[in-house]
Amino acid sequence: MLVKRWIVILASLAIGAAATWAIITLVFSTSFEFFAYSNVGLLFISIACIAAIWLDYFLDTKFLKS
C-alpha cells in the first residue's frame, strides 16, 4: 500500500509538471515569466490534484475515503 501511495504522489506531480509545461508553451505559446509565476503554480496544483484523485481511484490507495 505504501508503494502505491508513493506512486500516486510522484506520478501526479510529474503529470502536473508535464501538463503545465505543455499548456503554457504549446497551447498559449508563451513563457512562464509572461504567464506569471503565480498562475503557473495554480495551474500546476490544480492539474496535479486532479491527477492524484484519478490515480487514487484507479490504484485503490484509499487516500480519499469514499
N, C-alpha and C. Protein backbone atom coordinates (compact mmCIF):
# COMPACT_ATOMS: atom_id res chain seq x y z
N MET A 1 0.83 -1.20 0.00
CA MET A 1 0.00 0.00 0.00
C MET A 1 0.87 1.26 0.00
N LEU A 2 1.96 1.22 0.75
CA LEU A 2 2.83 2.39 0.83
C LEU A 2 3.47 2.69 -0.53
N VAL A 3 3.83 1.66 -1.27
CA VAL A 3 4.43 1.86 -2.59
C VAL A 3 3.41 2.48 -3.54
N LYS A 4 2.17 2.02 -3.47
CA LYS A 4 1.12 2.60 -4.33
C LYS A 4 0.90 4.07 -4.01
N ARG A 5 0.95 4.41 -2.74
CA ARG A 5 0.75 5.82 -2.36
C ARG A 5 1.88 6.69 -2.87
N TRP A 6 3.10 6.20 -2.80
CA TRP A 6 4.22 6.97 -3.35
C TRP A 6 4.11 7.10 -4.86
N ILE A 7 3.62 6.06 -5.51
CA ILE A 7 3.40 6.14 -6.96
C ILE A 7 2.37 7.22 -7.28
N VAL A 8 1.30 7.28 -6.50
CA VAL A 8 0.27 8.31 -6.71
C VAL A 8 0.85 9.70 -6.54
N ILE A 9 1.63 9.90 -5.50
CA ILE A 9 2.21 11.22 -5.23
C ILE A 9 3.17 11.63 -6.34
N LEU A 10 4.11 10.76 -6.66
CA LEU A 10 5.14 11.11 -7.65
C LEU A 10 4.56 11.23 -9.06
N ALA A 11 3.65 10.33 -9.41
CA ALA A 11 3.05 10.39 -10.74
C ALA A 11 2.18 11.63 -10.91
N SER A 12 1.45 11.99 -9.88
CA SER A 12 0.60 13.18 -10.00
C SER A 12 1.45 14.45 -10.12
N LEU A 13 2.57 14.51 -9.40
CA LEU A 13 3.47 15.66 -9.54
C LEU A 13 4.08 15.72 -10.95
N ALA A 14 4.46 14.56 -11.47
CA ALA A 14 5.03 14.51 -12.82
C ALA A 14 3.99 14.89 -13.88
N ILE A 15 2.79 14.38 -13.73
CA ILE A 15 1.71 14.73 -14.67
C ILE A 15 1.40 16.22 -14.59
N GLY A 16 1.35 16.75 -13.38
CA GLY A 16 1.09 18.18 -13.21
C GLY A 16 2.15 19.05 -13.85
N ALA A 17 3.42 18.67 -13.67
CA ALA A 17 4.51 19.45 -14.26
C ALA A 17 4.49 19.36 -15.78
N ALA A 18 4.30 18.17 -16.31
CA ALA A 18 4.30 17.99 -17.76
C ALA A 18 3.11 18.70 -18.41
N ALA A 19 1.95 18.56 -17.81
CA ALA A 19 0.76 19.20 -18.37
C ALA A 19 0.85 20.72 -18.28
N THR A 20 1.39 21.22 -17.18
CA THR A 20 1.55 22.67 -17.04
C THR A 20 2.49 23.21 -18.10
N TRP A 21 3.63 22.54 -18.30
CA TRP A 21 4.56 22.97 -19.34
C TRP A 21 3.91 22.93 -20.72
N ALA A 22 3.18 21.83 -21.00
CA ALA A 22 2.56 21.68 -22.31
C ALA A 22 1.50 22.75 -22.55
N ILE A 23 0.70 23.03 -21.57
CA ILE A 23 -0.37 24.03 -21.73
C ILE A 23 0.22 25.42 -21.96
N ILE A 24 1.22 25.78 -21.16
CA ILE A 24 1.76 27.13 -21.26
C ILE A 24 2.56 27.32 -22.54
N THR A 25 3.39 26.34 -22.89
CA THR A 25 4.25 26.54 -24.06
C THR A 25 3.58 26.17 -25.37
N LEU A 26 2.80 25.12 -25.39
CA LEU A 26 2.22 24.66 -26.64
C LEU A 26 0.85 25.27 -26.94
N VAL A 27 0.01 25.38 -25.92
CA VAL A 27 -1.34 25.90 -26.15
C VAL A 27 -1.33 27.43 -26.20
N PHE A 28 -0.72 28.05 -25.18
CA PHE A 28 -0.72 29.51 -25.12
C PHE A 28 0.47 30.14 -25.84
N SER A 29 1.46 29.37 -26.20
CA SER A 29 2.67 29.84 -26.90
C SER A 29 3.32 31.02 -26.17
N THR A 30 3.56 30.84 -24.89
CA THR A 30 4.17 31.90 -24.09
C THR A 30 5.18 31.27 -23.14
N SER A 31 5.78 32.09 -22.29
CA SER A 31 6.77 31.60 -21.32
C SER A 31 6.19 31.68 -19.91
N PHE A 32 6.91 31.06 -18.99
CA PHE A 32 6.46 31.11 -17.60
C PHE A 32 6.49 32.53 -17.05
N GLU A 33 7.46 33.32 -17.45
CA GLU A 33 7.57 34.69 -16.97
C GLU A 33 6.38 35.54 -17.42
N PHE A 34 6.00 35.40 -18.69
CA PHE A 34 4.90 36.19 -19.21
C PHE A 34 3.56 35.70 -18.68
N PHE A 35 3.45 34.39 -18.42
CA PHE A 35 2.20 33.81 -17.92
C PHE A 35 1.99 34.12 -16.45
N ALA A 36 3.01 34.54 -15.75
CA ALA A 36 3.04 34.88 -14.33
C ALA A 36 3.23 33.62 -13.48
N TYR A 37 4.21 33.68 -12.63
CA TYR A 37 4.56 32.51 -11.82
C TYR A 37 3.42 32.07 -10.91
N SER A 38 2.63 32.99 -10.44
CA SER A 38 1.50 32.61 -9.57
C SER A 38 0.48 31.78 -10.35
N ASN A 39 0.23 32.16 -11.59
CA ASN A 39 -0.69 31.39 -12.42
C ASN A 39 -0.12 30.02 -12.78
N VAL A 40 1.20 29.96 -12.97
CA VAL A 40 1.85 28.68 -13.23
C VAL A 40 1.67 27.75 -12.03
N GLY A 41 1.87 28.29 -10.85
CA GLY A 41 1.70 27.49 -9.64
C GLY A 41 0.28 27.00 -9.44
N LEU A 42 -0.68 27.87 -9.69
CA LEU A 42 -2.08 27.47 -9.55
C LEU A 42 -2.48 26.42 -10.58
N LEU A 43 -1.99 26.56 -11.80
CA LEU A 43 -2.26 25.57 -12.83
C LEU A 43 -1.64 24.23 -12.48
N PHE A 44 -0.40 24.26 -11.99
CA PHE A 44 0.29 23.04 -11.60
C PHE A 44 -0.45 22.32 -10.47
N ILE A 45 -0.84 23.07 -9.44
CA ILE A 45 -1.52 22.46 -8.30
C ILE A 45 -2.86 21.86 -8.72
N SER A 46 -3.61 22.56 -9.55
CA SER A 46 -4.93 22.05 -9.95
C SER A 46 -4.81 20.78 -10.80
N ILE A 47 -3.87 20.75 -11.73
CA ILE A 47 -3.71 19.55 -12.56
C ILE A 47 -3.17 18.39 -11.75
N ALA A 48 -2.22 18.67 -10.85
CA ALA A 48 -1.67 17.61 -10.01
C ALA A 48 -2.73 17.02 -9.08
N CYS A 49 -3.62 17.85 -8.56
CA CYS A 49 -4.69 17.35 -7.68
C CYS A 49 -5.69 16.51 -8.46
N ILE A 50 -6.03 16.93 -9.65
CA ILE A 50 -6.95 16.12 -10.47
C ILE A 50 -6.31 14.78 -10.81
N ALA A 51 -5.03 14.80 -11.15
CA ALA A 51 -4.32 13.54 -11.44
C ALA A 51 -4.26 12.66 -10.20
N ALA A 52 -4.04 13.24 -9.03
CA ALA A 52 -3.97 12.46 -7.80
C ALA A 52 -5.31 11.81 -7.47
N ILE A 53 -6.39 12.52 -7.72
CA ILE A 53 -7.72 11.95 -7.46
C ILE A 53 -7.96 10.74 -8.34
N TRP A 54 -7.65 10.86 -9.63
CA TRP A 54 -7.88 9.73 -10.53
C TRP A 54 -6.92 8.58 -10.27
N LEU A 55 -5.67 8.88 -9.97
CA LEU A 55 -4.72 7.81 -9.66
C LEU A 55 -5.11 7.10 -8.36
N ASP A 56 -5.61 7.86 -7.40
CA ASP A 56 -6.08 7.25 -6.16
C ASP A 56 -7.24 6.30 -6.44
N TYR A 57 -8.11 6.68 -7.32
CA TYR A 57 -9.25 5.83 -7.67
C TYR A 57 -8.80 4.56 -8.39
N PHE A 58 -7.93 4.71 -9.39
CA PHE A 58 -7.53 3.55 -10.18
C PHE A 58 -6.58 2.61 -9.43
N LEU A 59 -5.69 3.16 -8.59
CA LEU A 59 -4.75 2.32 -7.84
C LEU A 59 -5.30 1.87 -6.50
N ASP A 60 -6.48 2.37 -6.13
CA ASP A 60 -7.18 1.97 -4.91
C ASP A 60 -6.30 2.12 -3.67
N THR A 61 -5.74 3.32 -3.50
CA THR A 61 -4.85 3.57 -2.36
C THR A 61 -5.59 4.08 -1.13
N LYS A 62 -6.83 4.47 -1.28
CA LYS A 62 -7.68 4.94 -0.17
C LYS A 62 -7.17 6.23 0.48
N PHE A 63 -6.49 7.09 -0.30
CA PHE A 63 -6.17 8.42 0.21
C PHE A 63 -7.46 9.16 0.50
N LEU A 64 -8.38 9.10 -0.46
CA LEU A 64 -9.68 9.74 -0.30
C LEU A 64 -10.69 8.68 0.10
N LYS A 65 -11.24 8.84 1.24
CA LYS A 65 -12.21 7.87 1.72
C LYS A 65 -13.53 8.05 0.97
N SER A 66 -14.16 6.94 0.63
CA SER A 66 -15.43 7.03 -0.10
C SER A 66 -16.62 6.96 0.82
